[in-house]
Amino acid sequence: MRPRELVAAWVEAFNRGAPDEMAAFYAEHAVNHQVVREPVEGRAAIREMFARDFAEAKMVCIVENIFEDGQWAILEWKDPLGLRGCGFFRIENDKIAFQRGYWDRLSFLKAHGLPLAVG
């Protein structure tokens, strides 16, 4: 599967809020680094991150663009609440080996009516 196709399928699973489906996209020792948090390492830990996040808020990813460059896919997204962000995915052997996401956590918390983290 090409990186662009894999990320499009990842978005579909994300929009279903399915942590097990999400985890299946990642290599065993993958790293998911959302820059507003510490990196999460390993498929099991990434699955737990998605399970917590999906329990916390209803998230929807609307694709604006998916670009591909070699083993990389770049996703520009928005959501129905007006949030925007982008993600970079390095694909190895049809699995996400590394992901980095850029989005505004304060805007996310406010949009979902969640408490602001202290500390």
PDB file of N, CA and C in Angstrom:
ATOM      1  N   MET A   1       0.857  -1.185   0.000  1.00  0.00           N
ATOM      2  CA  MET A   1       0.000   0.000   0.000  1.00  0.00           C
ATOM      3  C   MET A   1       0.900   1.244   0.000  1.00  0.00           C
ATOM      4  N   ARG A   2       0.571   2.183  -0.831  1.00  0.00           N
ATOM      5  CA  ARG A   2       1.345   3.430  -0.885  1.00  0.00           C
ATOM      6  C   ARG A   2       1.105   4.244   0.386  1.00  0.00           C
ATOM      7  N   PRO A   3       2.086   5.065   0.803  1.00  0.00           N
ATOM      8  CA  PRO A   3       1.910   5.867   2.018  1.00  0.00           C
ATOM      9  C   PRO A   3       0.626   6.700   2.015  1.00  0.00           C
ATOM     10  N   ARG A   4       0.308   7.288   0.900  1.00  0.00           N
ATOM     11  CA  ARG A   4      -0.913   8.106   0.808  1.00  0.00           C
ATOM     12  C   ARG A   4      -2.170   7.273   1.063  1.00  0.00           C
ATOM     13  N   GLU A   5      -2.215   6.081   0.491  1.00  0.00           N
ATOM     14  CA  GLU A   5      -3.363   5.188   0.681  1.00  0.00           C
ATOM     15  C   GLU A   5      -3.470   4.718   2.125  1.00  0.00           C
ATOM     16  N   LEU A   6      -2.326   4.414   2.725  1.00  0.00           N
ATOM     17  CA  LEU A   6      -2.328   3.964   4.108  1.00  0.00           C
ATOM     18  C   LEU A   6      -2.865   5.056   5.031  1.00  0.00           C
ATOM     19  N   VAL A   7      -2.445   6.293   4.818  1.00  0.00           N
ATOM     20  CA  VAL A   7      -2.912   7.392   5.663  1.00  0.00           C
ATOM     21  C   VAL A   7      -4.402   7.650   5.430  1.00  0.00           C
ATOM     22  N   ALA A   8      -4.884   7.516   4.217  1.00  0.00           N
ATOM     23  CA  ALA A   8      -6.323   7.661   3.964  1.00  0.00           C
ATOM     24  C   ALA A   8      -7.111   6.596   4.735  1.00  0.00           C
ATOM     25  N   ALA A   9      -6.612   5.364   4.771  1.00  0.00           N
ATOM     26  CA  ALA A   9      -7.268   4.303   5.536  1.00  0.00           C
ATOM     27  C   ALA A   9      -7.168   4.583   7.035  1.00  0.00           C
ATOM     28  N   TRP A  10      -6.037   5.127   7.483  1.00  0.00           N
ATOM     29  CA  TRP A  10      -5.838   5.521   8.890  1.00  0.00           C
ATOM     30  C   TRP A  10      -6.894   6.546   9.296  1.00  0.00           C
ATOM     31  N   VAL A  11      -7.157   7.523   8.425  1.00  0.00           N
ATOM     32  CA  VAL A  11      -8.164   8.551   8.713  1.00  0.00           C
ATOM     33  C   VAL A  11      -9.542   7.915   8.883  1.00  0.00           C
ATOM     34  N   GLU A  12      -9.882   6.961   8.036  1.00  0.00           N
ATOM     35  CA  GLU A  12     -11.184   6.291   8.149  1.00  0.00           C
ATOM     36  C   GLU A  12     -11.318   5.592   9.501  1.00  0.00           C
ATOM     37  N   ALA A  13     -10.275   4.886   9.939  1.00  0.00           N
ATOM     38  CA  ALA A  13     -10.303   4.217  11.247  1.00  0.00           C
ATOM     39  C   ALA A  13     -10.359   5.245  12.376  1.00  0.00           C
ATOM     40  N   PHE A  14      -9.611   6.324  12.228  1.00  0.00           N
ATOM     41  CA  PHE A  14      -9.625   7.394  13.231  1.00  0.00           C
ATOM     42  C   PHE A  14     -11.047   7.920  13.409  1.00  0.00           C
ATOM     43  N   ASN A  15     -11.719   8.159  12.302  1.00  0.00           N
ATOM     44  CA  ASN A  15     -13.080   8.703  12.363  1.00  0.00           C
ATOM     45  C   ASN A  15     -14.097   7.719  12.933  1.00  0.00           C
ATOM     46  N   ARG A  16     -13.760   6.444  12.948  1.00  0.00           N
ATOM     47  CA  ARG A  16     -14.611   5.454  13.611  1.00  0.00           C
ATOM     48  C   ARG A  16     -14.314   5.387  15.108  1.00  0.00           C
ATOM     49  N   GLY A  17     -13.220   6.044  15.548  1.00  0.00           N
ATOM     50  CA  GLY A  17     -12.855   6.021  16.965  1.00  0.00           C
ATOM     51  C   GLY A  17     -12.488   4.633  17.445  1.00  0.00           C
ATOM     52  N   ALA A  18     -11.730   3.919  16.628  1.00  0.00           N
ATOM     53  CA  ALA A  18     -11.437   2.510  16.876  1.00  0.00           C
ATOM     54  C   ALA A  18      -9.961   2.308  17.239  1.00  0.00           C
ATOM     55  N   PRO A  19      -9.628   2.275  18.539  1.00  0.00           N
ATOM     56  CA  PRO A  19      -8.212   2.163  18.926  1.00  0.00           C
ATOM     57  C   PRO A  19      -7.530   0.891  18.443  1.00  0.00           C
ATOM     58  N   ASP A  20      -8.250  -0.237  18.406  1.00  0.00           N
ATOM     59  CA  ASP A  20      -7.630  -1.472  17.917  1.00  0.00           C
ATOM     60  C   ASP A  20      -7.300  -1.360  16.431  1.00  0.00           C
ATOM     61  N   GLU A  21      -8.220  -0.799  15.659  1.00  0.00           N
ATOM     62  CA  GLU A  21      -7.956  -0.579  14.229  1.00  0.00           C
ATOM     63  C   GLU A  21      -6.784   0.374  14.047  1.00  0.00           C
ATOM     64  N   MET A  22      -6.762   1.422  14.860  1.00  0.00           N
ATOM     65  CA  MET A  22      -5.675   2.405  14.761  1.00  0.00           C
ATOM     66  C   MET A  22      -4.332   1.735  15.025  1.00  0.00           C
ATOM     67  N   ALA A  23      -4.256   0.944  16.089  1.00  0.00           N
ATOM     68  CA  ALA A  23      -2.997   0.296  16.459  1.00  0.00           C
ATOM     69  C   ALA A  23      -2.476  -0.605  15.348  1.00  0.00           C
ATOM     70  N   ALA A  24      -3.378  -1.230  14.608  1.00  0.00           N
ATOM     71  CA  ALA A  24      -2.966  -2.148  13.545  1.00  0.00           C
ATOM     72  C   ALA A  24      -2.186  -1.458  12.429  1.00  0.00           C
ATOM     73  N   PHE A  25      -2.290  -0.157  12.316  1.00  0.00           N
ATOM     74  CA  PHE A  25      -1.549   0.587  11.287  1.00  0.00           C
ATOM     75  C   PHE A  25      -0.080   0.790  11.648  1.00  0.00           C
ATOM     76  N   TYR A  26       0.288   0.558  12.915  1.00  0.00           N
ATOM     77  CA  TYR A  26       1.624   0.901  13.402  1.00  0.00           C
ATOM     78  C   TYR A  26       2.530  -0.316  13.487  1.00  0.00           C
ATOM     79  N   ALA A  27       3.806  -0.096  13.196  1.00  0.00           N
ATOM     80  CA  ALA A  27       4.822  -1.121  13.415  1.00  0.00           C
ATOM     81  C   ALA A  27       4.948  -1.371  14.919  1.00  0.00           C
ATOM     82  N   GLU A  28       5.445  -2.535  15.267  1.00  0.00           N
ATOM     83  CA  GLU A  28       5.560  -2.929  16.680  1.00  0.00           C
ATOM     84  C   GLU A  28       6.300  -1.878  17.519  1.00  0.00           C
ATOM     85  N   HIS A  29       7.351  -1.302  16.993  1.00  0.00           N
ATOM     86  CA  HIS A  29       8.166  -0.344  17.750  1.00  0.00           C
ATOM     87  C   HIS A  29       8.008   1.086  17.221  1.00  0.00           C
ATOM     88  N   ALA A  30       6.857   1.383  16.678  1.00  0.00           N
ATOM     89  CA  ALA A  30       6.587   2.713  16.114  1.00  0.00           C
ATOM     90  C   ALA A  30       6.652   3.792  17.199  1.00  0.00           C
ATOM     91  N   VAL A  31       6.856   5.020  16.737  1.00  0.00           N
ATOM     92  CA  VAL A  31       6.824   6.193  17.616  1.00  0.00           C
ATOM     93  C   VAL A  31       5.768   7.148  17.073  1.00  0.00           C
ATOM     94  N   ASN A  32       4.877   7.590  17.963  1.00  0.00           N
ATOM     95  CA  ASN A  32       3.878   8.604  17.621  1.00  0.00           C
ATOM     96  C   ASN A  32       4.193   9.821  18.484  1.00  0.00           C
ATOM     97  N   HIS A  33       4.619  10.892  17.853  1.00  0.00           N
ATOM     98  CA  HIS A  33       4.975  12.101  18.595  1.00  0.00           C
ATOM     99  C   HIS A  33       4.062  13.252  18.196  1.00  0.00           C
ATOM    100  N   GLN A  34       3.052  13.470  19.004  1.00  0.00           N
ATOM    101  CA  GLN A  34       2.231  14.668  18.864  1.00  0.00           C
ATOM    102  C   GLN A  34       2.991  15.740  19.639  1.00  0.00           C
ATOM    103  N   VAL A  35       3.407  16.797  18.967  1.00  0.00           N
ATOM    104  CA  VAL A  35       4.372  17.719  19.571  1.00  0.00           C
ATOM    105  C   VAL A  35       3.862  18.409  20.829  1.00  0.00           C
ATOM    106  N   VAL A  36       2.570  18.347  21.092  1.00  0.00           N
ATOM    107  CA  VAL A  36       2.034  18.928  22.321  1.00  0.00           C
ATOM    108  C   VAL A  36       2.181  17.969  23.503  1.00  0.00           C
ATOM    109  N   ARG A  37       2.739  16.783  23.250  1.00  0.00           N
ATOM    110  CA  ARG A  37       2.926  15.747  24.268  1.00  0.00           C
ATOM    111  C   ARG A  37       4.297  15.101  24.102  1.00  0.00           C
ATOM    112  N   GLU A  38       4.628  14.260  25.044  1.00  0.00           N
ATOM    113  CA  GLU A  38       5.841  13.449  24.914  1.00  0.00           C
ATOM    114  C   GLU A  38       5.593  12.357  23.870  1.00  0.00           C
ATOM    115  N   PRO A  39       6.642  11.886  23.189  1.00  0.00           N
ATOM    116  CA  PRO A  39       6.462  10.800  22.223  1.00  0.00           C
ATOM    117  C   PRO A  39       5.923   9.538  22.897  1.00  0.00           C
ATOM    118  N   VAL A  40       5.111   8.800  22.160  1.00  0.00           N
ATOM    119  CA  VAL A  40       4.567   7.524  22.619  1.00  0.00           C
ATOM    120  C   VAL A  40       5.252   6.446  21.794  1.00  0.00           C
ATOM    121  N   GLU A  41       5.832   5.460  22.468  1.00  0.00           N
ATOM    122  CA  GLU A  41       6.619   4.436  21.782  1.00  0.00           C
ATOM    123  C   GLU A  41       5.981   3.064  21.915  1.00  0.00           C
ATOM    124  N   GLY A  42       5.852   2.382  20.789  1.00  0.00           N
ATOM    125  CA  GLY A  42       5.350   1.017  20.753  1.00  0.00           C
ATOM    126  C   GLY A  42       3.869   0.949  20.418  1.00  0.00           C
ATOM    127  N   ARG A  43       3.513  -0.082  19.651  1.00  0.00           N
ATOM    128  CA  ARG A  43       2.130  -0.243  19.192  1.00  0.00           C
ATOM    129  C   ARG A  43       1.137  -0.294  20.354  1.00  0.00           C
ATOM    130  N   ALA A  44       1.444  -1.026  21.406  1.00  0.00           N
ATOM    131  CA  ALA A  44       0.511  -1.152  22.534  1.00  0.00           C
ATOM    132  C   ALA A  44       0.288   0.197  23.210  1.00  0.00           C
ATOM    133  N   ALA A  45       1.347   0.960  23.403  1.00  0.00           N
ATOM    134  CA  ALA A  45       1.213   2.277  24.039  1.00  0.00           C
ATOM    135  C   ALA A  45       0.450   3.242  23.136  1.00  0.00           C
ATOM    136  N   ILE A  46       0.654   3.143  21.836  1.00  0.00           N
ATOM    137  CA  ILE A  46      -0.079   3.990  20.884  1.00  0.00           C
ATOM    138  C   ILE A  46      -1.566   3.631  20.927  1.00  0.00           C
ATOM    139  N   ARG A  47      -1.880   2.345  21.009  1.00  0.00           N
ATOM    140  CA  ARG A  47      -3.280   1.927  21.128  1.00  0.00           C
ATOM    141  C   ARG A  47      -3.911   2.527  22.379  1.00  0.00           C
ATOM    142  N   GLU A  48      -3.207   2.486  23.486  1.00  0.00           N
ATOM    143  CA  GLU A  48      -3.725   3.050  24.740  1.00  0.00           C
ATOM    144  C   GLU A  48      -3.926   4.557  24.628  1.00  0.00           C
ATOM    145  N   MET A  49      -3.016   5.242  23.946  1.00  0.00           N
ATOM    146  CA  MET A  49      -3.160   6.680  23.728  1.00  0.00           C
ATOM    147  C   MET A  49      -4.455   6.973  22.972  1.00  0.00           C
ATOM    148  N   PHE A  50      -4.708   6.212  21.899  1.00  0.00           N
ATOM    149  CA  PHE A  50      -5.932   6.427  21.138  1.00  0.00           C
ATOM    150  C   PHE A  50      -7.167   6.089  21.967  1.00  0.00           C
ATOM    151  N   ALA A  51      -7.112   5.018  22.745  1.00  0.00           N
ATOM    152  CA  ALA A  51      -8.261   4.651  23.581  1.00  0.00           C
ATOM    153  C   ALA A  51      -8.593   5.791  24.555  1.00  0.00           C
ATOM    154  N   ARG A  52      -7.585   6.367  25.201  1.00  0.00           N
ATOM    155  CA  ARG A  52      -7.808   7.500  26.118  1.00  0.00           C
ATOM    156  C   ARG A  52      -8.356   8.708  25.367  1.00  0.00           C
ATOM    157  N   ASP A  53      -7.747   9.020  24.242  1.00  0.00           N
ATOM    158  CA  ASP A  53      -8.163  10.197  23.481  1.00  0.00           C
ATOM    159  C   ASP A  53      -9.591  10.062  22.970  1.00  0.00           C
ATOM    160  N   PHE A  54      -9.960   8.882  22.459  1.00  0.00           N
ATOM    161  CA  PHE A  54     -11.317   8.678  21.949  1.00  0.00           C
ATOM    162  C   PHE A  54     -12.339   8.705  23.086  1.00  0.00           C
ATOM    163  N   ALA A  55     -11.955   8.294  24.284  1.00  0.00           N
ATOM    164  CA  ALA A  55     -12.854   8.347  25.440  1.00  0.00           C
ATOM    165  C   ALA A  55     -13.041   9.780  25.929  1.00  0.00           C
ATOM    166  N   GLU A  56     -12.041  10.612  25.686  1.00  0.00           N
ATOM    167  CA  GLU A  56     -12.059  11.996  26.160  1.00  0.00           C
ATOM    168  C   GLU A  56     -12.893  12.925  25.284  1.00  0.00           C
ATOM    169  N   ALA A  57     -12.854  12.726  23.981  1.00  0.00           N
ATOM    170  CA  ALA A  57     -13.517  13.667  23.067  1.00  0.00           C
ATOM    171  C   ALA A  57     -13.893  12.974  21.765  1.00  0.00           C
ATOM    172  N   LYS A  58     -14.969  13.433  21.155  1.00  0.00           N
ATOM    173  CA  LYS A  58     -15.361  12.969  19.823  1.00  0.00           C
ATOM    174  C   LYS A  58     -14.513  13.728  18.815  1.00  0.00           C
ATOM    175  N   MET A  59     -13.604  13.016  18.188  1.00  0.00           N
ATOM    176  CA  MET A  59     -12.687  13.650  17.244  1.00  0.00           C
ATOM    177  C   MET A  59     -13.027  13.219  15.829  1.00  0.00           C
ATOM    178  N   VAL A  60     -12.964  14.157  14.918  1.00  0.00           N
ATOM    179  CA  VAL A  60     -13.230  13.909  13.506  1.00  0.00           C
ATOM    180  C   VAL A  60     -12.115  14.548  12.699  1.00  0.00           C
ATOM    181  N   CYS A  61     -11.565  13.790  11.791  1.00  0.00           N
ATOM    182  CA  CYS A  61     -10.497  14.273  10.917  1.00  0.00           C
ATOM    183  C   CYS A  61     -11.061  14.427   9.510  1.00  0.00           C
ATOM    184  N   ILE A  62     -11.083  15.658   9.030  1.00  0.00           N
ATOM    185  CA  ILE A  62     -11.504  15.940   7.662  1.00  0.00           C
ATOM    186  C   ILE A  62     -10.240  16.229   6.855  1.00  0.00           C
ATOM    187  N   VAL A  63      -9.985  15.408   5.871  1.00  0.00           N
ATOM    188  CA  VAL A  63      -8.772  15.540   5.061  1.00  0.00           C
ATOM    189  C   VAL A  63      -8.873  16.782   4.187  1.00  0.00           C
ATOM    190  N   GLU A  64      -7.866  17.617   4.265  1.00  0.00           N
ATOM    191  CA  GLU A  64      -7.737  18.726   3.318  1.00  0.00           C
ATOM    192  C   GLU A  64      -6.774  18.344   2.203  1.00  0.00           C
ATOM    193  N   ASN A  65      -5.669  17.711   2.560  1.00  0.00           N
ATOM    194  CA  ASN A  65      -4.692  17.243   1.579  1.00  0.00           C
ATOM    195  C   ASN A  65      -3.934  16.058   2.159  1.00  0.00           C
ATOM    196  N   ILE A  66      -3.559  15.149   1.294  1.00  0.00           N
ATOM    197  CA  ILE A  66      -2.576  14.123   1.631  1.00  0.00           C
ATOM    198  C   ILE A  66      -1.528  14.165   0.530  1.00  0.00           C
ATOM    199  N   PHE A  67      -0.307  14.420   0.935  1.00  0.00           N
ATOM    200  CA  PHE A  67       0.816  14.465   0.003  1.00  0.00           C
ATOM    201  C   PHE A  67       1.694  13.251   0.253  1.00  0.00           C
ATOM    202  N   GLU A  68       2.415  12.827  -0.762  1.00  0.00           N
ATOM    203  CA  GLU A  68       3.310  11.687  -0.636  1.00  0.00           C
ATOM    204  C   GLU A  68       4.666  12.049  -1.207  1.00  0.00           C
ATOM    205  N   ASP A  69       5.714  11.646  -0.482  1.00  0.00           N
ATOM    206  CA  ASP A  69       7.078  11.847  -0.946  1.00  0.00           C
ATOM    207  C   ASP A  69       7.904  10.650  -0.489  1.00  0.00           C
ATOM    208  N   GLY A  70       8.151   9.727  -1.397  1.00  0.00           N
ATOM    209  CA  GLY A  70       8.892   8.522  -1.034  1.00  0.00           C
ATOM    210  C   GLY A  70       8.120   7.720   0.005  1.00  0.00           C
ATOM    211  N   GLN A  71       8.766   7.448   1.139  1.00  0.00           N
ATOM    212  CA  GLN A  71       8.115   6.658   2.189  1.00  0.00           C
ATOM    213  C   GLN A  71       7.330   7.528   3.164  1.00  0.00           C
ATOM    214  N   TRP A  72       7.160   8.795   2.856  1.00  0.00           N
ATOM    215  CA  TRP A  72       6.445   9.737   3.723  1.00  0.00           C
ATOM    216  C   TRP A  72       5.087  10.102   3.143  1.00  0.00           C
ATOM    217  N   ALA A  73       4.111  10.261   4.040  1.00  0.00           N
ATOM    218  CA  ALA A  73       2.819  10.855   3.703  1.00  0.00           C
ATOM    219  C   ALA A  73       2.616  12.029   4.652  1.00  0.00           C
ATOM    220  N   ILE A  74       2.088  13.103   4.123  1.00  0.00           N
ATOM    221  CA  ILE A  74       1.835  14.319   4.904  1.00  0.00           C
ATOM    222  C   ILE A  74       0.344  14.609   4.816  1.00  0.00           C
ATOM    223  N   LEU A  75      -0.282  14.714   5.972  1.00  0.00           N
ATOM    224  CA  LEU A  75      -1.719  14.922   6.074  1.00  0.00           C
ATOM    225  C   LEU A  75      -2.003  16.322   6.599  1.00  0.00           C
ATOM    226  N   GLU A  76      -2.757  17.108   5.840  1.00  0.00           N
ATOM    227  CA  GLU A  76      -3.310  18.372   6.339  1.00  0.00           C
ATOM    228  C   GLU A  76      -4.767  18.093   6.663  1.00  0.00           C
ATOM    229  N   TRP A  77      -5.202  18.487   7.881  1.00  0.00           N
ATOM    230  CA  TRP A  77      -6.555  18.161   8.306  1.00  0.00           C
ATOM    231  C   TRP A  77      -7.216  19.335   9.006  1.00  0.00           C
ATOM    232  N   LYS A  78      -8.530  19.203   9.106  1.00  0.00           N
ATOM    233  CA  LYS A  78      -9.331  20.118   9.922  1.00  0.00           C
ATOM    234  C   LYS A  78     -10.391  19.266  10.590  1.00  0.00           C
ATOM    235  N   ASP A  79     -11.128  19.877  11.523  1.00  0.00           N
ATOM    236  CA  ASP A  79     -12.254  19.174  12.114  1.00  0.00           C
ATOM    237  C   ASP A  79     -13.468  20.091  12.096  1.00  0.00           C
ATOM    238  N   PRO A  80     -14.651  19.564  12.412  1.00  0.00           N
ATOM    239  CA  PRO A  80     -15.867  20.378  12.337  1.00  0.00           C
ATOM    240  C   PRO A  80     -15.897  21.552  13.319  1.00  0.00           C
ATOM    241  N   LEU A  81     -15.023  21.540  14.334  1.00  0.00           N
ATOM    242  CA  LEU A  81     -14.990  22.612  15.329  1.00  0.00           C
ATOM    243  C   LEU A  81     -14.046  23.742  14.937  1.00  0.00           C
ATOM    244  N   GLY A  82     -13.388  23.606  13.788  1.00  0.00           N
ATOM    245  CA  GLY A  82     -12.503  24.660  13.303  1.00  0.00           C
ATOM    246  C   GLY A  82     -11.032  24.450  13.613  1.00  0.00           C
ATOM    247  N   LEU A  83     -10.693  23.341  14.252  1.00  0.00           N
ATOM    248  CA  LEU A  83      -9.285  23.048  14.528  1.00  0.00           C
ATOM    249  C   LEU A  83      -8.601  22.605  13.243  1.00  0.00           C
ATOM    250  N   ARG A  84      -7.320  22.870  13.161  1.00  0.00           N
ATOM    251  CA  ARG A  84      -6.519  22.461  12.008  1.00  0.00           C
ATOM    252  C   ARG A  84      -5.193  21.912  12.497  1.00  0.00           C
ATOM    253  N   GLY A  85      -4.623  21.049  11.677  1.00  0.00           N
ATOM    254  CA  GLY A  85      -3.315  20.513  12.014  1.00  0.00           C
ATOM    255  C   GLY A  85      -2.719  19.780  10.835  1.00  0.00           C
ATOM    256  N   CYS A  86      -1.568  19.184  11.084  1.00  0.00           N
ATOM    257  CA  CYS A  86      -0.930  18.378  10.047  1.00  0.00           C
ATOM    258  C   CYS A  86      -0.168  17.244  10.716  1.00  0.00           C
ATOM    259  N   GLY A  87       0.019  16.191   9.969  1.00  0.00           N
ATOM    260  CA  GLY A  87       0.745  15.035  10.467  1.00  0.00           C
ATOM    261  C   GLY A  87       1.691  14.520   9.404  1.00  0.00           C
ATOM    262  N   PHE A  88       2.822  14.014   9.866  1.00  0.00           N
ATOM    263  CA  PHE A  88       3.837  13.435   8.999  1.00  0.00           C
ATOM    264  C   PHE A  88       3.978  11.973   9.379  1.00  0.00           C
ATOM    265  N   PHE A  89       3.892  11.088   8.405  1.00  0.00           N
ATOM    266  CA  PHE A  89       3.899   9.646   8.632  1.00  0.00           C
ATOM    267  C   PHE A  89       5.012   9.018   7.794  1.00  0.00           C
ATOM    268  N   ARG A  90       5.951   8.324   8.439  1.00  0.00           N
ATOM    269  CA  ARG A  90       6.962   7.559   7.697  1.00  0.00           C
ATOM    270  C   ARG A  90       6.502   6.104   7.683  1.00  0.00           C
ATOM    271  N   ILE A  91       6.364   5.565   6.490  1.00  0.00           N
ATOM    272  CA  ILE A  91       5.837   4.226   6.292  1.00  0.00           C
ATOM    273  C   ILE A  91       6.980   3.277   5.945  1.00  0.00           C
ATOM    274  N   GLU A  92       7.035   2.163   6.666  1.00  0.00           N
ATOM    275  CA  GLU A  92       8.014   1.115   6.384  1.00  0.00           C
ATOM    276  C   GLU A  92       7.282  -0.224   6.386  1.00  0.00           C
ATOM    277  N   ASN A  93       7.422  -0.991   5.319  1.00  0.00           N
ATOM    278  CA  ASN A  93       6.777  -2.310   5.210  1.00  0.00           C
ATOM    279  C   ASN A  93       5.270  -2.225   5.477  1.00  0.00           C
ATOM    280  N   ASP A  94       4.619  -1.228   4.893  1.00  0.00           N
ATOM    281  CA  ASP A  94       3.166  -1.034   4.993  1.00  0.00           C
ATOM    282  C   ASP A  94       2.671  -0.761   6.412  1.00  0.00           C
ATOM    283  N   LYS A  95       3.531  -0.251   7.262  1.00  0.00           N
ATOM    284  CA  LYS A  95       3.162   0.129   8.629  1.00  0.00           C
ATOM    285  C   LYS A  95       3.728   1.514   8.930  1.00  0.00           C
ATOM    286  N   ILE A  96       3.063   2.223   9.832  1.00  0.00           N
ATOM    287  CA  ILE A  96       3.579   3.514  10.275  1.00  0.00           C
ATOM    288  C   ILE A  96       4.716   3.242  11.251  1.00  0.00           C
ATOM    289  N   ALA A  97       5.915   3.692  10.900  1.00  0.00           N
ATOM    290  CA  ALA A  97       7.081   3.529  11.764  1.00  0.00           C
ATOM    291  C   ALA A  97       7.273   4.767  12.642  1.00  0.00           C
ATOM    292  N   PHE A  98       6.884   5.916  12.112  1.00  0.00           N
ATOM    293  CA  PHE A  98       7.047   7.170  12.841  1.00  0.00           C
ATOM    294  C   PHE A  98       5.945   8.131  12.408  1.00  0.00           C
ATOM    295  N   GLN A  99       5.398   8.816  13.382  1.00  0.00           N
ATOM    296  CA  GLN A  99       4.375   9.834  13.109  1.00  0.00           C
ATOM    297  C   GLN A  99       4.664  11.050  13.974  1.00  0.00           C
ATOM    298  N   ARG A 100       4.533  12.227  13.382  1.00  0.00           N
ATOM    299  CA  ARG A 100       4.623  13.467  14.152  1.00  0.00           C
ATOM    300  C   ARG A 100       3.436  14.329  13.759  1.00  0.00           C
ATOM    301  N   GLY A 101       2.747  14.868  14.766  1.00  0.00           N
ATOM    302  CA  GLY A 101       1.574  15.692  14.525  1.00  0.00           C
ATOM    303  C   GLY A 101       1.716  17.067  15.138  1.00  0.00           C
ATOM    304  N   TYR A 102       1.221  18.054  14.422  1.00  0.00           N
ATOM    305  CA  TYR A 102       1.251  19.452  14.867  1.00  0.00           C
ATOM    306  C   TYR A 102      -0.176  19.976  14.931  1.00  0.00           C
ATOM    307  N   TRP A 103      -0.601  20.415  16.119  1.00  0.00           N
ATOM    308  CA  TRP A 103      -1.927  20.984  16.335  1.00  0.00           C
ATOM    309  C   TRP A 103      -1.886  21.760  17.641  1.00  0.00           C
ATOM    310  N   ASP A 104      -2.878  22.588  17.843  1.00  0.00           N
ATOM    311  CA  ASP A 104      -2.916  23.462  19.021  1.00  0.00           C
ATOM    312  C   ASP A 104      -3.739  22.820  20.135  1.00  0.00           C
ATOM    313  N   ARG A 105      -3.072  22.363  21.176  1.00  0.00           N
ATOM    314  CA  ARG A 105      -3.751  21.666  22.278  1.00  0.00           C
ATOM    315  C   ARG A 105      -4.727  22.573  23.016  1.00  0.00           C
ATOM    316  N   LEU A 106      -4.377  23.835  23.247  1.00  0.00           N
ATOM    317  CA  LEU A 106      -5.253  24.757  23.962  1.00  0.00           C
ATOM    318  C   LEU A 106      -6.563  24.935  23.193  1.00  0.00           C
ATOM    319  N   SER A 107      -6.487  25.109  21.895  1.00  0.00           N
ATOM    320  CA  SER A 107      -7.700  25.227  21.083  1.00  0.00           C
ATOM    321  C   SER A 107      -8.527  23.940  21.138  1.00  0.00           C
ATOM    322  N   PHE A 108      -7.853  22.791  21.128  1.00  0.00           N
ATOM    323  CA  PHE A 108      -8.548  21.503  21.223  1.00  0.00           C
ATOM    324  C   PHE A 108      -9.313  21.408  22.545  1.00  0.00           C
ATOM    325  N   LEU A 109      -8.652  21.705  23.649  1.00  0.00           N
ATOM    326  CA  LEU A 109      -9.286  21.615  24.966  1.00  0.00           C
ATOM    327  C   LEU A 109     -10.481  22.555  25.063  1.00  0.00           C
ATOM    328  N   LYS A 110     -10.303  23.779  24.607  1.00  0.00           N
ATOM    329  CA  LYS A 110     -11.398  24.749  24.654  1.00  0.00           C
ATOM    330  C   LYS A 110     -12.568  24.312  23.771  1.00  0.00           C
ATOM    331  N   ALA A 111     -12.299  23.845  22.571  1.00  0.00           N
ATOM    332  CA  ALA A 111     -13.347  23.449  21.629  1.00  0.00           C
ATOM    333  C   ALA A 111     -14.176  22.285  22.168  1.00  0.00           C
ATOM    334  N   HIS A 112     -13.532  21.410  22.940  1.00  0.00           N
ATOM    335  CA  HIS A 112     -14.226  20.234  23.475  1.00  0.00           C
ATOM    336  C   HIS A 112     -14.717  20.435  24.903  1.00  0.00           C
ATOM    337  N   GLY A 113     -14.534  21.639  25.438  1.00  0.00           N
ATOM    338  CA  GLY A 113     -14.985  21.919  26.797  1.00  0.00           C
ATOM    339  C   GLY A 113     -14.250  21.110  27.851  1.00  0.00           C
ATOM    340  N   LEU A 114     -13.005  20.803  27.586  1.00  0.00           N
ATOM    341  CA  LEU A 114     -12.184  20.005  28.515  1.00  0.00           C
ATOM    342  C   LEU A 114     -11.371  20.935  29.413  1.00  0.00           C
ATOM    343  N   PRO A 115     -11.024  20.456  30.610  1.00  0.00           N
ATOM    344  CA  PRO A 115     -10.243  21.303  31.518  1.00  0.00           C
ATOM    345  C   PRO A 115      -8.845  21.551  30.967  1.00  0.00           C
ATOM    346  N   LEU A 116      -8.354  22.742  31.241  1.00  0.00           N
ATOM    347  CA  LEU A 116      -6.997  23.081  30.828  1.00  0.00           C
ATOM    348  C   LEU A 116      -6.030  22.378  31.775  1.00  0.00           C
ATOM    349  N   ALA A 117      -5.037  21.728  31.215  1.00  0.00           N
ATOM    350  CA  ALA A 117      -4.048  21.024  32.022  1.00  0.00           C
ATOM    351  C   ALA A 117      -3.177  22.034  32.778  1.00  0.00           C
ATOM    352  N   VAL A 118      -2.862  21.706  34.005  1.00  0.00           N
ATOM    353  CA  VAL A 118      -2.020  22.568  34.824  1.00  0.00           C
ATOM    354  C   VAL A 118      -0.696  21.847  35.043  1.00  0.00           C
ATOM    355  N   GLY A 119       0.387  22.616  34.957  1.00  0.00           N
ATOM    356  CA  GLY A 119       1.697  22.031  35.277  1.00  0.00           C
ATOM    357  C   GLY A 119       2.522  21.729  34.158  1.00  0.00           C
TER     358      GLY A 119
END
